[in-house]
Structure formats: C-alpha cells, structure tokens
Full PDB file with SEQRES, HELIX, SHEET, SSBOND, CRYST1, ORIGX, SCALE, CONECT and MASTER records, all heavy atoms in Angstrom:
SEQRES   1 A   35  ASN ALA ALA THR ALA GLU ALA THR ALA LYS ALA SER GLN          
SEQRES   2 A   35  ALA ALA LEU GLU ASN ALA ARG LEU ASN LEU GLU TYR CYS          
SEQRES   3 A   35  THR ILE ARG SER PRO LEU ASP GLY ASP                          
HELIX    1 AA1 ALA A    2  GLU A   24  1                                  23    
CRYST1    1.000    1.000    1.000  90.00  90.00  90.00 P 1           1          
ORIGX1      1.000000  0.000000  0.000000        0.00000                         
ORIGX2      0.000000  1.000000  0.000000        0.00000                         
ORIGX3      0.000000  0.000000  1.000000        0.00000                         
SCALE1      1.000000  0.000000  0.000000        0.00000                         
SCALE2      0.000000  1.000000  0.000000        0.00000                         
SCALE3      0.000000  0.000000  1.000000        0.00000                         
ATOM      1  N   ASN A   1     -65.040 -49.651  15.868  1.00  0.00           N  
ATOM      2  CA  ASN A   1     -64.358 -50.568  16.731  1.00  0.00           C  
ATOM      3  C   ASN A   1     -63.103 -49.775  17.402  1.00  0.00           C  
ATOM      4  O   ASN A   1     -62.766 -49.958  18.590  1.00  0.00           O  
ATOM      5  CB  ASN A   1     -63.848 -51.830  15.993  1.00  0.00           C  
ATOM      6  CG  ASN A   1     -65.032 -52.686  15.541  1.00  0.00           C  
ATOM      7  OD1 ASN A   1     -66.112 -52.614  15.992  1.00  0.00           O  
ATOM      8  ND2 ASN A   1     -64.717 -53.641  14.543  1.00  0.00           N  
ATOM      9  N   ALA A   2     -62.442 -49.023  16.636  1.00  0.00           N  
ATOM     10  CA  ALA A   2     -61.282 -48.295  17.074  1.00  0.00           C  
ATOM     11  C   ALA A   2     -61.686 -47.286  18.179  1.00  0.00           C  
ATOM     12  O   ALA A   2     -60.993 -47.051  19.142  1.00  0.00           O  
ATOM     13  CB  ALA A   2     -60.522 -47.609  15.894  1.00  0.00           C  
ATOM     14  N   ALA A   3     -62.805 -46.594  17.824  1.00  0.00           N  
ATOM     15  CA  ALA A   3     -63.240 -45.564  18.797  1.00  0.00           C  
ATOM     16  C   ALA A   3     -63.803 -46.182  20.108  1.00  0.00           C  
ATOM     17  O   ALA A   3     -63.521 -45.711  21.182  1.00  0.00           O  
ATOM     18  CB  ALA A   3     -64.484 -44.729  18.160  1.00  0.00           C  
ATOM     19  N   THR A   4     -64.420 -47.478  19.931  1.00  0.00           N  
ATOM     20  CA  THR A   4     -64.884 -48.181  21.193  1.00  0.00           C  
ATOM     21  C   THR A   4     -63.612 -48.565  22.002  1.00  0.00           C  
ATOM     22  O   THR A   4     -63.629 -48.472  23.249  1.00  0.00           O  
ATOM     23  CB  THR A   4     -65.619 -49.404  20.742  1.00  0.00           C  
ATOM     24  OG1 THR A   4     -66.794 -48.942  19.990  1.00  0.00           O  
ATOM     25  CG2 THR A   4     -66.159 -50.078  21.931  1.00  0.00           C  
ATOM     26  N   ALA A   5     -62.650 -49.096  21.294  1.00  0.00           N  
ATOM     27  CA  ALA A   5     -61.435 -49.446  22.052  1.00  0.00           C  
ATOM     28  C   ALA A   5     -60.713 -48.314  22.744  1.00  0.00           C  
ATOM     29  O   ALA A   5     -60.290 -48.429  23.909  1.00  0.00           O  
ATOM     30  CB  ALA A   5     -60.422 -50.166  21.142  1.00  0.00           C  
ATOM     31  N   GLU A   6     -60.755 -47.091  22.106  1.00  0.00           N  
ATOM     32  CA  GLU A   6     -60.173 -45.944  22.751  1.00  0.00           C  
ATOM     33  C   GLU A   6     -60.931 -45.571  24.055  1.00  0.00           C  
ATOM     34  O   GLU A   6     -60.433 -45.256  25.042  1.00  0.00           O  
ATOM     35  CB  GLU A   6     -60.213 -44.807  21.707  1.00  0.00           C  
ATOM     36  CG  GLU A   6     -59.684 -43.499  22.280  1.00  0.00           C  
ATOM     37  CD  GLU A   6     -58.297 -43.409  22.548  1.00  0.00           C  
ATOM     38  OE1 GLU A   6     -57.514 -44.261  21.956  1.00  0.00           O  
ATOM     39  OE2 GLU A   6     -57.817 -42.580  23.275  1.00  0.00           O  
ATOM     40  N   ALA A   7     -62.287 -45.627  23.917  1.00  0.00           N  
ATOM     41  CA  ALA A   7     -63.103 -45.275  24.959  1.00  0.00           C  
ATOM     42  C   ALA A   7     -62.913 -46.275  26.185  1.00  0.00           C  
ATOM     43  O   ALA A   7     -62.840 -45.938  27.356  1.00  0.00           O  
ATOM     44  CB  ALA A   7     -64.580 -45.272  24.646  1.00  0.00           C  
ATOM     45  N   THR A   8     -62.775 -47.518  25.837  1.00  0.00           N  
ATOM     46  CA  THR A   8     -62.608 -48.566  26.850  1.00  0.00           C  
ATOM     47  C   THR A   8     -61.250 -48.357  27.479  1.00  0.00           C  
ATOM     48  O   THR A   8     -61.166 -48.501  28.724  1.00  0.00           O  
ATOM     49  CB  THR A   8     -62.609 -49.996  26.129  1.00  0.00           C  
ATOM     50  OG1 THR A   8     -63.908 -50.129  25.518  1.00  0.00           O  
ATOM     51  CG2 THR A   8     -62.411 -51.009  27.202  1.00  0.00           C  
ATOM     52  N   ALA A   9     -60.224 -47.978  26.788  1.00  0.00           N  
ATOM     53  CA  ALA A   9     -58.973 -47.698  27.313  1.00  0.00           C  
ATOM     54  C   ALA A   9     -58.930 -46.504  28.293  1.00  0.00           C  
ATOM     55  O   ALA A   9     -58.404 -46.570  29.317  1.00  0.00           O  
ATOM     56  CB  ALA A   9     -57.894 -47.526  26.285  1.00  0.00           C  
ATOM     57  N   LYS A  10     -59.680 -45.485  27.933  1.00  0.00           N  
ATOM     58  CA  LYS A  10     -59.847 -44.298  28.805  1.00  0.00           C  
ATOM     59  C   LYS A  10     -60.571 -44.732  30.142  1.00  0.00           C  
ATOM     60  O   LYS A  10     -60.239 -44.297  31.176  1.00  0.00           O  
ATOM     61  CB  LYS A  10     -60.608 -43.229  28.018  1.00  0.00           C  
ATOM     62  CG  LYS A  10     -59.792 -42.505  27.060  1.00  0.00           C  
ATOM     63  CD  LYS A  10     -60.590 -41.425  26.407  1.00  0.00           C  
ATOM     64  CE  LYS A  10     -59.652 -40.737  25.326  1.00  0.00           C  
ATOM     65  NZ  LYS A  10     -60.333 -39.584  24.687  1.00  0.00           N  
ATOM     66  N   ALA A  11     -61.625 -45.525  29.996  1.00  0.00           N  
ATOM     67  CA  ALA A  11     -62.353 -45.912  31.189  1.00  0.00           C  
ATOM     68  C   ALA A  11     -61.396 -46.753  32.072  1.00  0.00           C  
ATOM     69  O   ALA A  11     -61.527 -46.656  33.349  1.00  0.00           O  
ATOM     70  CB  ALA A  11     -63.630 -46.741  30.685  1.00  0.00           C  
ATOM     71  N   SER A  12     -60.567 -47.716  31.563  1.00  0.00           N  
ATOM     72  CA  SER A  12     -59.670 -48.421  32.339  1.00  0.00           C  
ATOM     73  C   SER A  12     -58.705 -47.579  33.046  1.00  0.00           C  
ATOM     74  O   SER A  12     -58.357 -47.825  34.165  1.00  0.00           O  
ATOM     75  CB  SER A  12     -58.972 -49.432  31.485  1.00  0.00           C  
ATOM     76  OG  SER A  12     -59.932 -50.360  30.945  1.00  0.00           O  
ATOM     77  N   GLN A  13     -58.261 -46.515  32.341  1.00  0.00           N  
ATOM     78  CA  GLN A  13     -57.283 -45.634  32.922  1.00  0.00           C  
ATOM     79  C   GLN A  13     -57.970 -44.795  34.110  1.00  0.00           C  
ATOM     80  O   GLN A  13     -57.324 -44.607  35.159  1.00  0.00           O  
ATOM     81  CB  GLN A  13     -56.806 -44.651  31.905  1.00  0.00           C  
ATOM     82  CG  GLN A  13     -55.682 -43.587  32.387  1.00  0.00           C  
ATOM     83  CD  GLN A  13     -54.486 -44.362  32.770  1.00  0.00           C  
ATOM     84  OE1 GLN A  13     -54.068 -45.303  32.317  1.00  0.00           O  
ATOM     85  NE2 GLN A  13     -53.799 -43.770  33.790  1.00  0.00           N  
ATOM     86  N   ALA A  14     -59.180 -44.423  33.837  1.00  0.00           N  
ATOM     87  CA  ALA A  14     -59.865 -43.788  35.038  1.00  0.00           C  
ATOM     88  C   ALA A  14     -60.102 -44.704  36.197  1.00  0.00           C  
ATOM     89  O   ALA A  14     -59.953 -44.287  37.383  1.00  0.00           O  
ATOM     90  CB  ALA A  14     -61.302 -43.305  34.529  1.00  0.00           C  
ATOM     91  N   ALA A  15     -60.409 -46.020  35.987  1.00  0.00           N  
ATOM     92  CA  ALA A  15     -60.645 -46.986  37.048  1.00  0.00           C  
ATOM     93  C   ALA A  15     -59.208 -47.176  37.649  1.00  0.00           C  
ATOM     94  O   ALA A  15     -59.161 -47.463  39.007  1.00  0.00           O  
ATOM     95  CB  ALA A  15     -61.076 -48.340  36.472  1.00  0.00           C  
ATOM     96  N   LEU A  16     -58.162 -47.162  36.992  1.00  0.00           N  
ATOM     97  CA  LEU A  16     -56.767 -47.258  37.553  1.00  0.00           C  
ATOM     98  C   LEU A  16     -56.514 -46.176  38.544  1.00  0.00           C  
ATOM     99  O   LEU A  16     -55.988 -46.273  39.669  1.00  0.00           O  
ATOM    100  CB  LEU A  16     -55.795 -47.411  36.503  1.00  0.00           C  
ATOM    101  CG  LEU A  16     -54.317 -47.413  36.902  1.00  0.00           C  
ATOM    102  CD1 LEU A  16     -54.073 -48.531  37.839  1.00  0.00           C  
ATOM    103  CD2 LEU A  16     -53.421 -47.311  35.646  1.00  0.00           C  
ATOM    104  N   GLU A  17     -56.797 -44.896  38.094  1.00  0.00           N  
ATOM    105  CA  GLU A  17     -56.567 -43.763  38.909  1.00  0.00           C  
ATOM    106  C   GLU A  17     -57.483 -43.809  40.176  1.00  0.00           C  
ATOM    107  O   GLU A  17     -57.006 -43.383  41.287  1.00  0.00           O  
ATOM    108  CB  GLU A  17     -56.833 -42.433  38.145  1.00  0.00           C  
ATOM    109  CG  GLU A  17     -55.910 -42.287  36.965  1.00  0.00           C  
ATOM    110  CD  GLU A  17     -56.185 -41.056  36.070  1.00  0.00           C  
ATOM    111  OE1 GLU A  17     -57.315 -40.437  36.389  1.00  0.00           O  
ATOM    112  OE2 GLU A  17     -55.564 -40.780  35.161  1.00  0.00           O  
ATOM    113  N   ASN A  18     -58.621 -44.192  39.960  1.00  0.00           N  
ATOM    114  CA  ASN A  18     -59.531 -44.436  41.173  1.00  0.00           C  
ATOM    115  C   ASN A  18     -58.999 -45.419  42.207  1.00  0.00           C  
ATOM    116  O   ASN A  18     -59.050 -45.269  43.480  1.00  0.00           O  
ATOM    117  CB  ASN A  18     -60.994 -44.785  40.636  1.00  0.00           C  
ATOM    118  CG  ASN A  18     -61.918 -44.804  41.861  1.00  0.00           C  
ATOM    119  OD1 ASN A  18     -62.245 -43.816  42.482  1.00  0.00           O  
ATOM    120  ND2 ASN A  18     -62.572 -45.991  42.100  1.00  0.00           N  
ATOM    121  N   ALA A  19     -58.456 -46.480  41.594  1.00  0.00           N  
ATOM    122  CA  ALA A  19     -57.870 -47.542  42.556  1.00  0.00           C  
ATOM    123  C   ALA A  19     -56.641 -46.929  43.238  1.00  0.00           C  
ATOM    124  O   ALA A  19     -56.505 -47.331  44.460  1.00  0.00           O  
ATOM    125  CB  ALA A  19     -57.449 -48.769  41.701  1.00  0.00           C  
ATOM    126  N   ARG A  20     -55.925 -46.144  42.632  1.00  0.00           N  
ATOM    127  CA  ARG A  20     -54.728 -45.438  43.307  1.00  0.00           C  
ATOM    128  C   ARG A  20     -55.252 -44.528  44.415  1.00  0.00           C  
ATOM    129  O   ARG A  20     -54.697 -44.484  45.435  1.00  0.00           O  
ATOM    130  CB  ARG A  20     -53.889 -44.759  42.233  1.00  0.00           C  
ATOM    131  CG  ARG A  20     -53.071 -45.692  41.435  1.00  0.00           C  
ATOM    132  CD  ARG A  20     -52.335 -44.855  40.266  1.00  0.00           C  
ATOM    133  NE  ARG A  20     -51.498 -45.689  39.460  1.00  0.00           N  
ATOM    134  CZ  ARG A  20     -51.090 -45.313  38.247  1.00  0.00           C  
ATOM    135  NH1 ARG A  20     -51.367 -44.164  37.665  1.00  0.00           N  
ATOM    136  NH2 ARG A  20     -50.347 -46.136  37.537  1.00  0.00           N  
ATOM    137  N   LEU A  21     -56.291 -43.802  44.060  1.00  0.00           N  
ATOM    138  CA  LEU A  21     -56.746 -42.889  45.103  1.00  0.00           C  
ATOM    139  C   LEU A  21     -57.366 -43.716  46.387  1.00  0.00           C  
ATOM    140  O   LEU A  21     -57.106 -43.305  47.476  1.00  0.00           O  
ATOM    141  CB  LEU A  21     -57.975 -42.098  44.489  1.00  0.00           C  
ATOM    142  CG  LEU A  21     -57.630 -40.823  43.764  1.00  0.00           C  
ATOM    143  CD1 LEU A  21     -58.933 -40.156  43.112  1.00  0.00           C  
ATOM    144  CD2 LEU A  21     -56.950 -39.902  44.625  1.00  0.00           C  
ATOM    145  N   ASN A  22     -58.040 -44.780  46.102  1.00  0.00           N  
ATOM    146  CA  ASN A  22     -58.506 -45.617  47.194  1.00  0.00           C  
ATOM    147  C   ASN A  22     -57.342 -46.067  48.026  1.00  0.00           C  
ATOM    148  O   ASN A  22     -57.474 -46.220  49.270  1.00  0.00           O  
ATOM    149  CB  ASN A  22     -59.302 -46.723  46.735  1.00  0.00           C  
ATOM    150  CG  ASN A  22     -60.708 -46.269  46.217  1.00  0.00           C  
ATOM    151  OD1 ASN A  22     -61.243 -45.268  46.447  1.00  0.00           O  
ATOM    152  ND2 ASN A  22     -61.270 -47.038  45.293  1.00  0.00           N  
ATOM    153  N   LEU A  23     -56.217 -46.526  47.363  1.00  0.00           N  
ATOM    154  CA  LEU A  23     -55.077 -46.898  48.141  1.00  0.00           C  
ATOM    155  C   LEU A  23     -54.493 -45.748  48.986  1.00  0.00           C  
ATOM    156  O   LEU A  23     -54.125 -46.003  50.225  1.00  0.00           O  
ATOM    157  CB  LEU A  23     -54.023 -47.590  47.170  1.00  0.00           C  
ATOM    158  CG  LEU A  23     -52.830 -48.003  47.911  1.00  0.00           C  
ATOM    159  CD1 LEU A  23     -53.273 -49.216  48.871  1.00  0.00           C  
ATOM    160  CD2 LEU A  23     -51.924 -48.689  46.871  1.00  0.00           C  
ATOM    161  N   GLU A  24     -54.446 -44.636  48.438  1.00  0.00           N  
ATOM    162  CA  GLU A  24     -54.010 -43.498  49.166  1.00  0.00           C  
ATOM    163  C   GLU A  24     -54.954 -43.180  50.374  1.00  0.00           C  
ATOM    164  O   GLU A  24     -54.471 -42.673  51.499  1.00  0.00           O  
ATOM    165  CB  GLU A  24     -53.903 -42.221  48.249  1.00  0.00           C  
ATOM    166  CG  GLU A  24     -52.770 -42.283  47.217  1.00  0.00           C  
ATOM    167  CD  GLU A  24     -52.723 -41.039  46.402  1.00  0.00           C  
ATOM    168  OE1 GLU A  24     -53.388 -40.108  46.703  1.00  0.00           O  
ATOM    169  OE2 GLU A  24     -52.008 -41.121  45.383  1.00  0.00           O  
ATOM    170  N   TYR A  25     -56.215 -43.284  50.144  1.00  0.00           N  
ATOM    171  CA  TYR A  25     -57.161 -42.964  51.255  1.00  0.00           C  
ATOM    172  C   TYR A  25     -56.951 -43.893  52.430  1.00  0.00           C  
ATOM    173  O   TYR A  25     -57.542 -43.647  53.502  1.00  0.00           O  
ATOM    174  CB  TYR A  25     -58.615 -43.063  50.723  1.00  0.00           C  
ATOM    175  CG  TYR A  25     -58.915 -41.981  49.781  1.00  0.00           C  
ATOM    176  CD1 TYR A  25     -59.912 -42.312  48.836  1.00  0.00           C  
ATOM    177  CD2 TYR A  25     -58.318 -40.797  49.722  1.00  0.00           C  
ATOM    178  CE1 TYR A  25     -60.344 -41.176  47.905  1.00  0.00           C  
ATOM    179  CE2 TYR A  25     -58.556 -39.763  48.788  1.00  0.00           C  
ATOM    180  CZ  TYR A  25     -59.629 -40.101  47.936  1.00  0.00           C  
ATOM    181  OH  TYR A  25     -60.014 -39.040  47.096  1.00  0.00           O  
ATOM    182  N   CYS A  26     -56.185 -44.974  52.371  1.00  0.00           N  
ATOM    183  CA  CYS A  26     -55.991 -45.935  53.362  1.00  0.00           C  
ATOM    184  C   CYS A  26     -55.050 -45.283  54.446  1.00  0.00           C  
ATOM    185  O   CYS A  26     -55.080 -45.738  55.534  1.00  0.00           O  
ATOM    186  CB  CYS A  26     -55.425 -47.207  52.914  1.00  0.00           C  
ATOM    187  SG  CYS A  26     -56.511 -48.272  51.951  1.00  0.00           S  
ATOM    188  N   THR A  27     -54.339 -44.232  54.029  1.00  0.00           N  
ATOM    189  CA  THR A  27     -53.508 -43.435  54.998  1.00  0.00           C  
ATOM    190  C   THR A  27     -54.212 -42.160  55.181  1.00  0.00           C  
ATOM    191  O   THR A  27     -54.398 -41.297  54.274  1.00  0.00           O  
ATOM    192  CB  THR A  27     -52.191 -43.267  54.421  1.00  0.00           C  
ATOM    193  OG1 THR A  27     -51.545 -44.557  54.153  1.00  0.00           O  
ATOM    194  CG2 THR A  27     -51.311 -42.565  55.377  1.00  0.00           C  
ATOM    195  N   ILE A  28     -54.734 -41.908  56.432  1.00  0.00           N  
ATOM    196  CA  ILE A  28     -55.489 -40.752  56.732  1.00  0.00           C  
ATOM    197  C   ILE A  28     -54.558 -39.671  57.431  1.00  0.00           C  
ATOM    198  O   ILE A  28     -53.893 -39.950  58.489  1.00  0.00           O  
ATOM    199  CB  ILE A  28     -56.705 -41.095  57.751  1.00  0.00           C  
ATOM    200  CG1 ILE A  28     -57.519 -42.034  56.978  1.00  0.00           C  
ATOM    201  CG2 ILE A  28     -57.401 -39.829  58.114  1.00  0.00           C  
ATOM    202  CD1 ILE A  28     -58.798 -42.571  57.881  1.00  0.00           C  
ATOM    203  N   ARG A  29     -54.394 -38.551  56.801  1.00  0.00           N  
ATOM    204  CA  ARG A  29     -53.489 -37.513  57.287  1.00  0.00           C  
ATOM    205  C   ARG A  29     -54.175 -36.334  57.810  1.00  0.00           C  
ATOM    206  O   ARG A  29     -55.390 -36.066  57.473  1.00  0.00           O  
ATOM    207  CB  ARG A  29     -52.496 -37.063  56.186  1.00  0.00           C  
ATOM    208  CG  ARG A  29     -51.774 -38.285  55.517  1.00  0.00           C  
ATOM    209  CD  ARG A  29     -50.920 -37.798  54.361  1.00  0.00           C  
ATOM    210  NE  ARG A  29     -50.142 -38.985  53.794  1.00  0.00           N  
ATOM    211  CZ  ARG A  29     -48.908 -39.298  54.210  1.00  0.00           C  
ATOM    212  NH1 ARG A  29     -48.358 -38.669  55.178  1.00  0.00           N  
ATOM    213  NH2 ARG A  29     -48.375 -40.387  53.600  1.00  0.00           N  
ATOM    214  N   SER A  30     -53.463 -35.563  58.653  1.00  0.00           N  
ATOM    215  CA  SER A  30     -54.008 -34.327  59.205  1.00  0.00           C  
ATOM    216  C   SER A  30     -54.216 -33.328  58.175  1.00  0.00           C  
ATOM    217  O   SER A  30     -53.135 -33.007  57.429  1.00  0.00           O  
ATOM    218  CB  SER A  30     -53.289 -33.804  60.300  1.00  0.00           C  
ATOM    219  OG  SER A  30     -53.728 -32.605  60.839  1.00  0.00           O  
ATOM    220  N   PRO A  31     -55.377 -32.647  57.890  1.00  0.00           N  
ATOM    221  CA  PRO A  31     -55.514 -31.621  56.898  1.00  0.00           C  
ATOM    222  C   PRO A  31     -54.977 -30.233  57.317  1.00  0.00           C  
ATOM    223  O   PRO A  31     -54.955 -29.353  56.510  1.00  0.00           O  
ATOM    224  CB  PRO A  31     -57.002 -31.589  56.691  1.00  0.00           C  
ATOM    225  CG  PRO A  31     -57.573 -31.937  57.973  1.00  0.00           C  
ATOM    226  CD  PRO A  31     -56.640 -32.963  58.567  1.00  0.00           C  
ATOM    227  N   LEU A  32     -54.584 -30.057  58.567  1.00  0.00           N  
ATOM    228  CA  LEU A  32     -54.126 -28.726  59.120  1.00  0.00           C  
ATOM    229  C   LEU A  32     -53.267 -28.982  60.299  1.00  0.00           C  
ATOM    230  O   LEU A  32     -53.274 -30.001  60.962  1.00  0.00           O  
ATOM    231  CB  LEU A  32     -55.408 -27.833  59.413  1.00  0.00           C  
ATOM    232  CG  LEU A  32     -56.524 -28.474  60.191  1.00  0.00           C  
ATOM    233  CD1 LEU A  32     -56.133 -28.462  61.701  1.00  0.00           C  
ATOM    234  CD2 LEU A  32     -57.736 -27.479  59.989  1.00  0.00           C  
ATOM    235  N   ASP A  33     -52.668 -27.852  60.683  1.00  0.00           N  
ATOM    236  CA  ASP A  33     -51.892 -27.805  62.036  1.00  0.00           C  
ATOM    237  C   ASP A  33     -52.946 -27.520  63.105  1.00  0.00           C  
ATOM    238  O   ASP A  33     -53.632 -26.582  62.962  1.00  0.00           O  
ATOM    239  CB  ASP A  33     -50.948 -26.674  62.007  1.00  0.00           C  
ATOM    240  CG  ASP A  33     -49.720 -26.939  61.043  1.00  0.00           C  
ATOM    241  OD1 ASP A  33     -49.578 -28.109  60.583  1.00  0.00           O  
ATOM    242  OD2 ASP A  33     -49.138 -25.947  60.501  1.00  0.00           O  
ATOM    243  N   GLY A  34     -52.921 -28.344  64.196  1.00  0.00           N  
ATOM    244  CA  GLY A  34     -53.912 -28.125  65.208  1.00  0.00           C  
ATOM    245  C   GLY A  34     -53.690 -29.175  66.410  1.00  0.00           C  
ATOM    246  O   GLY A  34     -52.638 -29.760  66.395  1.00  0.00           O  
ATOM    247  N   ASP A  35     -54.640 -29.273  67.117  1.00  0.00           N  
ATOM    248  CA  ASP A  35     -54.553 -30.129  68.365  1.00  0.00           C  
ATOM    249  C   ASP A  35     -55.633 -31.267  68.226  1.00  0.00           C  
ATOM    250  O   ASP A  35     -56.874 -30.833  67.988  1.00  0.00           O  
ATOM    251  CB  ASP A  35     -54.812 -29.420  69.695  1.00  0.00           C  
ATOM    252  CG  ASP A  35     -53.552 -28.505  69.971  1.00  0.00           C  
ATOM    253  OD1 ASP A  35     -53.511 -27.455  69.373  1.00  0.00           O  
ATOM    254  OD2 ASP A  35     -52.749 -28.872  70.779  1.00  0.00           O  
TER     255      ASP A  35                                                      
MASTER        0    0    0    1    0    0    0    6  254    1    0    3          
END                                                                             
C-alpha cells in the first residue's frame, strides 16, 4: 500500500508538471532572432 501511494504521488506530480507546461504553451514566443 505504501509503494502504491508513492507511485500515485509521483504520477500526480508528473500530471502537475504537465499542466504547468500546457499553461506555458498558451504563450507562444519566438525561438530565434529573425523577421
């Protein structure tokens, strides 16, 4: 049960990081200097 809870917590943390990335992707920036 403890190992399962540890894995579930890691999966939730990964989902949290993915949600943060998706929010960052809402702002599209230039990848280089150009025209």
